[in-house]
PDB file of N, CA and C in Angstrom:
ATOM      1  N   UNK A   1      -9.974  14.769 -27.292  1.00  0.00           N
ATOM      2  CA  UNK A   1      -9.862  16.178 -26.980  1.00  0.00           C
ATOM      3  C   UNK A   1      -8.415  16.529 -26.621  1.00  0.00           C
ATOM      4  N   UNK A   2      -8.033  17.695 -27.000  1.00  0.00           N
ATOM      5  CA  UNK A   2      -6.718  18.200 -26.634  1.00  0.00           C
ATOM      6  C   UNK A   2      -6.799  18.819 -25.248  1.00  0.00           C
ATOM      7  N   UNK A   3      -5.840  18.495 -24.416  1.00  0.00           N
ATOM      8  CA  UNK A   3      -5.795  19.057 -23.080  1.00  0.00           C
ATOM      9  C   UNK A   3      -4.876  20.265 -23.067  1.00  0.00           C
ATOM     10  N   UNK A   4      -5.388  21.369 -22.586  1.00  0.00           N
ATOM     11  CA  UNK A   4      -4.599  22.593 -22.479  1.00  0.00           C
ATOM     12  C   UNK A   4      -3.737  22.550 -21.224  1.00  0.00           C
ATOM     13  N   UNK A   5      -4.309  21.994 -20.155  1.00  0.00           N
ATOM     14  CA  UNK A   5      -3.626  21.940 -18.863  1.00  0.00           C
ATOM     15  C   UNK A   5      -3.078  20.539 -18.617  1.00  0.00           C
ATOM     16  N   UNK A   6      -1.992  20.457 -17.856  1.00  0.00           N
ATOM     17  CA  UNK A   6      -1.437  19.162 -17.465  1.00  0.00           C
ATOM     18  C   UNK A   6      -2.388  18.531 -16.460  1.00  0.00           C
ATOM     19  N   UNK A   7      -2.901  17.358 -16.773  1.00  0.00           N
ATOM     20  CA  UNK A   7      -3.928  16.719 -15.944  1.00  0.00           C
ATOM     21  C   UNK A   7      -3.454  16.370 -14.543  1.00  0.00           C
ATOM     22  N   UNK A   8      -2.184  16.064 -14.376  1.00  0.00           N
ATOM     23  CA  UNK A   8      -1.691  15.646 -13.064  1.00  0.00           C
ATOM     24  C   UNK A   8      -1.094  16.792 -12.251  1.00  0.00           C
ATOM     25  N   UNK A   9      -1.310  18.016 -12.684  1.00  0.00           N
ATOM     26  CA  UNK A   9      -0.743  19.174 -11.988  1.00  0.00           C
ATOM     27  C   UNK A   9      -1.838  19.944 -11.265  1.00  0.00           C
ATOM     28  N   UNK A  10      -1.471  20.566 -10.153  1.00  0.00           N
ATOM     29  CA  UNK A  10      -2.371  21.457  -9.430  1.00  0.00           C
ATOM     30  C   UNK A  10      -1.926  22.885  -9.702  1.00  0.00           C
ATOM     31  N   UNK A  11      -2.859  23.717 -10.151  1.00  0.00           N
ATOM     32  CA  UNK A  11      -2.577  25.112 -10.482  1.00  0.00           C
ATOM     33  C   UNK A  11      -3.082  25.998  -9.354  1.00  0.00           C
ATOM     34  N   UNK A  12      -2.230  26.905  -8.912  1.00  0.00           N
ATOM     35  CA  UNK A  12      -2.595  27.850  -7.853  1.00  0.00           C
ATOM     36  C   UNK A  12      -2.909  29.197  -8.487  1.00  0.00           C
ATOM     37  N   UNK A  13      -3.794  29.957  -7.837  1.00  0.00           N
ATOM     38  CA  UNK A  13      -4.050  31.313  -8.315  1.00  0.00           C
ATOM     39  C   UNK A  13      -2.722  32.051  -8.408  1.00  0.00           C
ATOM     40  N   UNK A  14      -2.553  32.764  -9.463  1.00  0.00           N
ATOM     41  CA  UNK A  14      -1.293  33.456  -9.705  1.00  0.00           C
ATOM     42  C   UNK A  14      -0.433  32.749 -10.728  1.00  0.00           C
ATOM     43  N   UNK A  15      -0.712  31.462 -10.973  1.00  0.00           N
ATOM     44  CA  UNK A  15       0.025  30.758 -12.026  1.00  0.00           C
ATOM     45  C   UNK A  15      -0.373  31.364 -13.371  1.00  0.00           C
ATOM     46  N   UNK A  16       0.601  31.710 -14.200  1.00  0.00           N
ATOM     47  CA  UNK A  16       0.277  32.370 -15.468  1.00  0.00           C
ATOM     48  C   UNK A  16      -0.587  31.520 -16.398  1.00  0.00           C
ATOM     49  N   UNK A  17      -0.544  30.204 -16.265  1.00  0.00           N
ATOM     50  CA  UNK A  17      -1.356  29.340 -17.123  1.00  0.00           C
ATOM     51  C   UNK A  17      -2.851  29.580 -16.936  1.00  0.00           C
ATOM     52  N   UNK A  18      -3.255  29.993 -15.759  1.00  0.00           N
ATOM     53  CA  UNK A  18      -4.679  30.227 -15.493  1.00  0.00           C
ATOM     54  C   UNK A  18      -5.219  31.440 -16.230  1.00  0.00           C
ATOM     55  N   UNK A  19      -4.330  32.303 -16.712  1.00  0.00           N
ATOM     56  CA  UNK A  19      -4.778  33.489 -17.443  1.00  0.00           C
ATOM     57  C   UNK A  19      -5.478  33.126 -18.748  1.00  0.00           C
ATOM     58  N   UNK A  20      -5.307  31.886 -19.216  1.00  0.00           N
ATOM     59  CA  UNK A  20      -6.035  31.416 -20.399  1.00  0.00           C
ATOM     60  C   UNK A  20      -7.541  31.486 -20.135  1.00  0.00           C
ATOM     61  N   UNK A  21      -7.949  31.221 -18.897  1.00  0.00           N
ATOM     62  CA  UNK A  21      -9.372  31.217 -18.542  1.00  0.00           C
ATOM     63  C   UNK A  21      -9.909  32.613 -18.303  1.00  0.00           C
ATOM     64  N   UNK A  22      -9.085  33.485 -17.794  1.00  0.00           N
ATOM     65  CA  UNK A  22      -9.512  34.844 -17.487  1.00  0.00           C
ATOM     66  C   UNK A  22      -8.683  35.414 -16.353  1.00  0.00           C
ATOM     67  N   UNK A  23      -9.052  36.602 -15.962  1.00  0.00           N
ATOM     68  CA  UNK A  23      -8.311  37.278 -14.891  1.00  0.00           C
ATOM     69  C   UNK A  23      -8.609  36.622 -13.545  1.00  0.00           C
ATOM     70  N   UNK A  24      -7.808  36.985 -12.580  1.00  0.00           N
ATOM     71  CA  UNK A  24      -8.026  36.518 -11.202  1.00  0.00           C
ATOM     72  C   UNK A  24      -9.406  36.926 -10.703  1.00  0.00           C
ATOM     73  N   UNK A  25      -9.825  38.121 -11.073  1.00  0.00           N
ATOM     74  CA  UNK A  25     -11.137  38.627 -10.672  1.00  0.00           C
ATOM     75  C   UNK A  25     -12.256  37.821 -11.318  1.00  0.00           C
ATOM     76  N   UNK A  26     -12.077  37.465 -12.597  1.00  0.00           N
ATOM     77  CA  UNK A  26     -13.086  36.665 -13.297  1.00  0.00           C
ATOM     78  C   UNK A  26     -13.239  35.296 -12.645  1.00  0.00           C
ATOM     79  N   UNK A  27     -12.115  34.670 -12.296  1.00  0.00           N
ATOM     80  CA  UNK A  27     -12.174  33.375 -11.619  1.00  0.00           C
ATOM     81  C   UNK A  27     -12.889  33.497 -10.267  1.00  0.00           C
ATOM     82  N   UNK A  28     -12.655  34.597  -9.552  1.00  0.00           N
ATOM     83  CA  UNK A  28     -13.326  34.826  -8.273  1.00  0.00           C
ATOM     84  C   UNK A  28     -14.833  34.976  -8.471  1.00  0.00           C
ATOM     85  N   UNK A  29     -15.240  35.683  -9.523  1.00  0.00           N
ATOM     86  CA  UNK A  29     -16.672  35.829  -9.828  1.00  0.00           C
ATOM     87  C   UNK A  29     -17.301  34.480 -10.116  1.00  0.00           C
ATOM     88  N   UNK A  30     -16.622  33.659 -10.913  1.00  0.00           N
ATOM     89  CA  UNK A  30     -17.145  32.331 -11.238  1.00  0.00           C
ATOM     90  C   UNK A  30     -17.291  31.473  -9.986  1.00  0.00           C
ATOM     91  N   UNK A  31     -16.284  31.529  -9.090  1.00  0.00           N
ATOM     92  CA  UNK A  31     -16.384  30.756  -7.847  1.00  0.00           C
ATOM     93  C   UNK A  31     -17.567  31.230  -7.027  1.00  0.00           C
ATOM     94  N   UNK A  32     -17.756  32.526  -6.946  1.00  0.00           N
ATOM     95  CA  UNK A  32     -18.859  33.087  -6.166  1.00  0.00           C
ATOM     96  C   UNK A  32     -20.212  32.665  -6.728  1.00  0.00           C
ATOM     97  N   UNK A  33     -20.332  32.610  -8.061  1.00  0.00           N
ATOM     98  CA  UNK A  33     -21.599  32.243  -8.714  1.00  0.00           C
ATOM     99  C   UNK A  33     -21.719  30.750  -8.995  1.00  0.00           C
ATOM    100  N   UNK A  34     -20.689  29.973  -8.622  1.00  0.00           N
ATOM    101  CA  UNK A  34     -20.681  28.524  -8.849  1.00  0.00           C
ATOM    102  C   UNK A  34     -20.858  28.164 -10.320  1.00  0.00           C
ATOM    103  N   UNK A  35     -20.176  28.886 -11.209  1.00  0.00           N
ATOM    104  CA  UNK A  35     -20.274  28.590 -12.637  1.00  0.00           C
ATOM    105  C   UNK A  35     -18.933  28.224 -13.260  1.00  0.00           C
ATOM    106  N   UNK A  36     -17.860  28.363 -12.568  1.00  0.00           N
ATOM    107  CA  UNK A  36     -16.540  28.093 -13.132  1.00  0.00           C
ATOM    108  C   UNK A  36     -16.110  26.658 -12.901  1.00  0.00           C
ATOM    109  N   UNK A  37     -14.856  26.379 -13.177  1.00  0.00           N
ATOM    110  CA  UNK A  37     -14.329  25.026 -12.967  1.00  0.00           C
ATOM    111  C   UNK A  37     -14.263  24.682 -11.479  1.00  0.00           C
ATOM    112  N   UNK A  38     -14.262  23.380 -11.201  1.00  0.00           N
ATOM    113  CA  UNK A  38     -14.128  22.917  -9.819  1.00  0.00           C
ATOM    114  C   UNK A  38     -12.814  23.438  -9.240  1.00  0.00           C
ATOM    115  N   UNK A  39     -12.836  23.754  -7.951  1.00  0.00           N
ATOM    116  CA  UNK A  39     -11.638  24.293  -7.305  1.00  0.00           C
ATOM    117  C   UNK A  39     -11.484  23.697  -5.920  1.00  0.00           C
ATOM    118  N   UNK A  40     -10.310  23.901  -5.359  1.00  0.00           N
ATOM    119  CA  UNK A  40      -9.990  23.427  -4.017  1.00  0.00           C
ATOM    120  C   UNK A  40      -9.654  24.644  -3.173  1.00  0.00           C
ATOM    121  N   UNK A  41     -10.230  24.718  -2.004  1.00  0.00           N
ATOM    122  CA  UNK A  41      -9.890  25.801  -1.074  1.00  0.00           C
ATOM    123  C   UNK A  41      -8.956  25.209  -0.018  1.00  0.00           C
ATOM    124  N   UNK A  42      -7.761  25.769   0.077  1.00  0.00           N
ATOM    125  CA  UNK A  42      -6.770  25.341   1.058  1.00  0.00           C
ATOM    126  C   UNK A  42      -6.547  26.542   1.972  1.00  0.00           C
ATOM    127  N   UNK A  43      -7.284  26.581   3.055  1.00  0.00           N
ATOM    128  CA  UNK A  43      -7.276  27.775   3.896  1.00  0.00           C
ATOM    129  C   UNK A  43      -7.848  28.928   3.095  1.00  0.00           C
ATOM    130  N   UNK A  44      -7.055  29.944   2.868  1.00  0.00           N
ATOM    131  CA  UNK A  44      -7.493  31.086   2.055  1.00  0.00           C
ATOM    132  C   UNK A  44      -7.011  31.006   0.619  1.00  0.00           C
ATOM    133  N   UNK A  45      -6.228  29.983   0.303  1.00  0.00           N
ATOM    134  CA  UNK A  45      -5.688  29.826  -1.052  1.00  0.00           C
ATOM    135  C   UNK A  45      -6.631  29.001  -1.910  1.00  0.00           C
ATOM    136  N   UNK A  46      -6.579  29.233  -3.201  1.00  0.00           N
ATOM    137  CA  UNK A  46      -7.418  28.526  -4.163  1.00  0.00           C
ATOM    138  C   UNK A  46      -6.519  27.768  -5.122  1.00  0.00           C
ATOM    139  N   UNK A  47      -6.902  26.534  -5.420  1.00  0.00           N
ATOM    140  CA  UNK A  47      -6.145  25.708  -6.364  1.00  0.00           C
ATOM    141  C   UNK A  47      -7.124  25.016  -7.316  1.00  0.00           C
ATOM    142  N   UNK A  48      -6.611  24.636  -8.469  1.00  0.00           N
ATOM    143  CA  UNK A  48      -7.400  23.930  -9.478  1.00  0.00           C
ATOM    144  C   UNK A  48      -6.615  22.717  -9.942  1.00  0.00           C
ATOM    145  N   UNK A  49      -7.270  21.552 -10.054  1.00  0.00           N
ATOM    146  CA  UNK A  49      -6.640  20.374 -10.656  1.00  0.00           C
ATOM    147  C   UNK A  49      -6.663  20.557 -12.167  1.00  0.00           C
ATOM    148  N   UNK A  50      -5.566  20.233 -12.818  1.00  0.00           N
ATOM    149  CA  UNK A  50      -5.501  20.328 -14.271  1.00  0.00           C
ATOM    150  C   UNK A  50      -6.578  19.506 -14.953  1.00  0.00           C
ATOM    151  N   UNK A  51      -6.864  18.317 -14.421  1.00  0.00           N
ATOM    152  CA  UNK A  51      -7.894  17.456 -15.007  1.00  0.00           C
ATOM    153  C   UNK A  51      -9.264  18.128 -14.931  1.00  0.00           C
ATOM    154  N   UNK A  52      -9.559  18.815 -13.829  1.00  0.00           N
ATOM    155  CA  UNK A  52     -10.839  19.527 -13.694  1.00  0.00           C
ATOM    156  C   UNK A  52     -10.931  20.684 -14.686  1.00  0.00           C
ATOM    157  N   UNK A  53      -9.827  21.386 -14.884  1.00  0.00           N
ATOM    158  CA  UNK A  53      -9.818  22.494 -15.835  1.00  0.00           C
ATOM    159  C   UNK A  53     -10.064  21.996 -17.252  1.00  0.00           C
ATOM    160  N   UNK A  54      -9.400  20.899 -17.631  1.00  0.00           N
ATOM    161  CA  UNK A  54      -9.597  20.332 -18.965  1.00  0.00           C
ATOM    162  C   UNK A  54     -11.031  19.846 -19.148  1.00  0.00           C
ATOM    163  N   UNK A  55     -11.595  19.191 -18.138  1.00  0.00           N
ATOM    164  CA  UNK A  55     -12.975  18.702 -18.223  1.00  0.00           C
ATOM    165  C   UNK A  55     -13.945  19.860 -18.375  1.00  0.00           C
ATOM    166  N   UNK A  56     -13.716  20.936 -17.625  1.00  0.00           N
ATOM    167  CA  UNK A  56     -14.600  22.102 -17.690  1.00  0.00           C
ATOM    168  C   UNK A  56     -14.533  22.747 -19.080  1.00  0.00           C
ATOM    169  N   UNK A  57     -13.337  22.866 -19.617  1.00  0.00           N
ATOM    170  CA  UNK A  57     -13.188  23.434 -20.958  1.00  0.00           C
ATOM    171  C   UNK A  57     -13.828  22.543 -22.020  1.00  0.00           C
ATOM    172  N   UNK A  58     -13.618  21.233 -21.923  1.00  0.00           N
ATOM    173  CA  UNK A  58     -14.190  20.313 -22.903  1.00  0.00           C
ATOM    174  C   UNK A  58     -15.713  20.315 -22.861  1.00  0.00           C
ATOM    175  N   UNK A  59     -16.299  20.534 -21.691  1.00  0.00           N
ATOM    176  CA  UNK A  59     -17.760  20.597 -21.574  1.00  0.00           C
ATOM    177  C   UNK A  59     -18.323  21.840 -22.257  1.00  0.00           C
ATOM    178  N   UNK A  60     -17.493  22.846 -22.484  1.00  0.00           N
ATOM    179  CA  UNK A  60     -17.934  24.084 -23.128  1.00  0.00           C
ATOM    180  C   UNK A  60     -17.565  24.141 -24.601  1.00  0.00           C
ATOM    181  N   UNK A  61     -17.095  23.043 -25.126  1.00  0.00           N
ATOM    182  CA  UNK A  61     -16.703  22.974 -26.542  1.00  0.00           C
ATOM    183  C   UNK A  61     -17.939  23.070 -27.427  1.00  0.00           C
ATOM    184  N   UNK A  62     -17.856  23.896 -28.437  1.00  0.00           N
ATOM    185  CA  UNK A  62     -18.943  24.077 -29.398  1.00  0.00           C
ATOM    186  C   UNK A  62     -18.431  23.649 -30.765  1.00  0.00           C
ATOM    187  N   UNK A  63     -19.134  22.735 -31.393  1.00  0.00           N
ATOM    188  CA  UNK A  63     -18.790  22.277 -32.727  1.00  0.00           C
ATOM    189  C   UNK A  63     -19.777  22.893 -33.712  1.00  0.00           C
ATOM    190  N   UNK A  64     -19.368  23.895 -34.488  1.00  0.00           N
ATOM    191  CA  UNK A  64     -20.281  24.583 -35.386  1.00  0.00           C
ATOM    192  C   UNK A  64     -20.971  23.665 -36.399  1.00  0.00           C
ATOM    193  N   UNK A  65     -20.318  22.565 -36.767  1.00  0.00           N
ATOM    194  CA  UNK A  65     -20.931  21.662 -37.733  1.00  0.00           C
ATOM    195  C   UNK A  65     -22.104  20.900 -37.158  1.00  0.00           C
ATOM    196  N   UNK A  66     -22.233  20.866 -35.828  1.00  0.00           N
ATOM    197  CA  UNK A  66     -23.353  20.163 -35.188  1.00  0.00           C
ATOM    198  C   UNK A  66     -24.442  21.121 -34.704  1.00  0.00           C
ATOM    199  N   UNK A  67     -24.254  22.396 -34.889  1.00  0.00           N
ATOM    200  CA  UNK A  67     -25.239  23.380 -34.437  1.00  0.00           C
ATOM    201  C   UNK A  67     -26.464  23.356 -35.353  1.00  0.00           C
ATOM    202  N   UNK A  68     -27.639  23.439 -34.749  1.00  0.00           N
ATOM    203  CA  UNK A  68     -28.888  23.490 -35.537  1.00  0.00           C
ATOM    204  C   UNK A  68     -29.020  24.877 -36.146  1.00  0.00           C
ATOM    205  N   UNK A  69     -29.510  24.924 -37.356  1.00  0.00           N
ATOM    206  CA  UNK A  69     -29.663  26.198 -38.057  1.00  0.00           C
ATOM    207  C   UNK A  69     -30.930  26.899 -37.679  1.00  0.00           C
TER     208      UNK A  69
END
């Protein structure tokens, strides 16, 4: 799998790279509903490990050639 995010980096809310996933509001909705990527709460700040972001994206990969008709 190709990794979009650097696995050894921690991304903080506001980092432009996170916009690939969606807006800040969308990420907040996912955290509230427990459906988004794993995150770290540091006081009131939110961070994401690059490895967690890549794993979450890879788990949502759809291969059309393997889809049942």
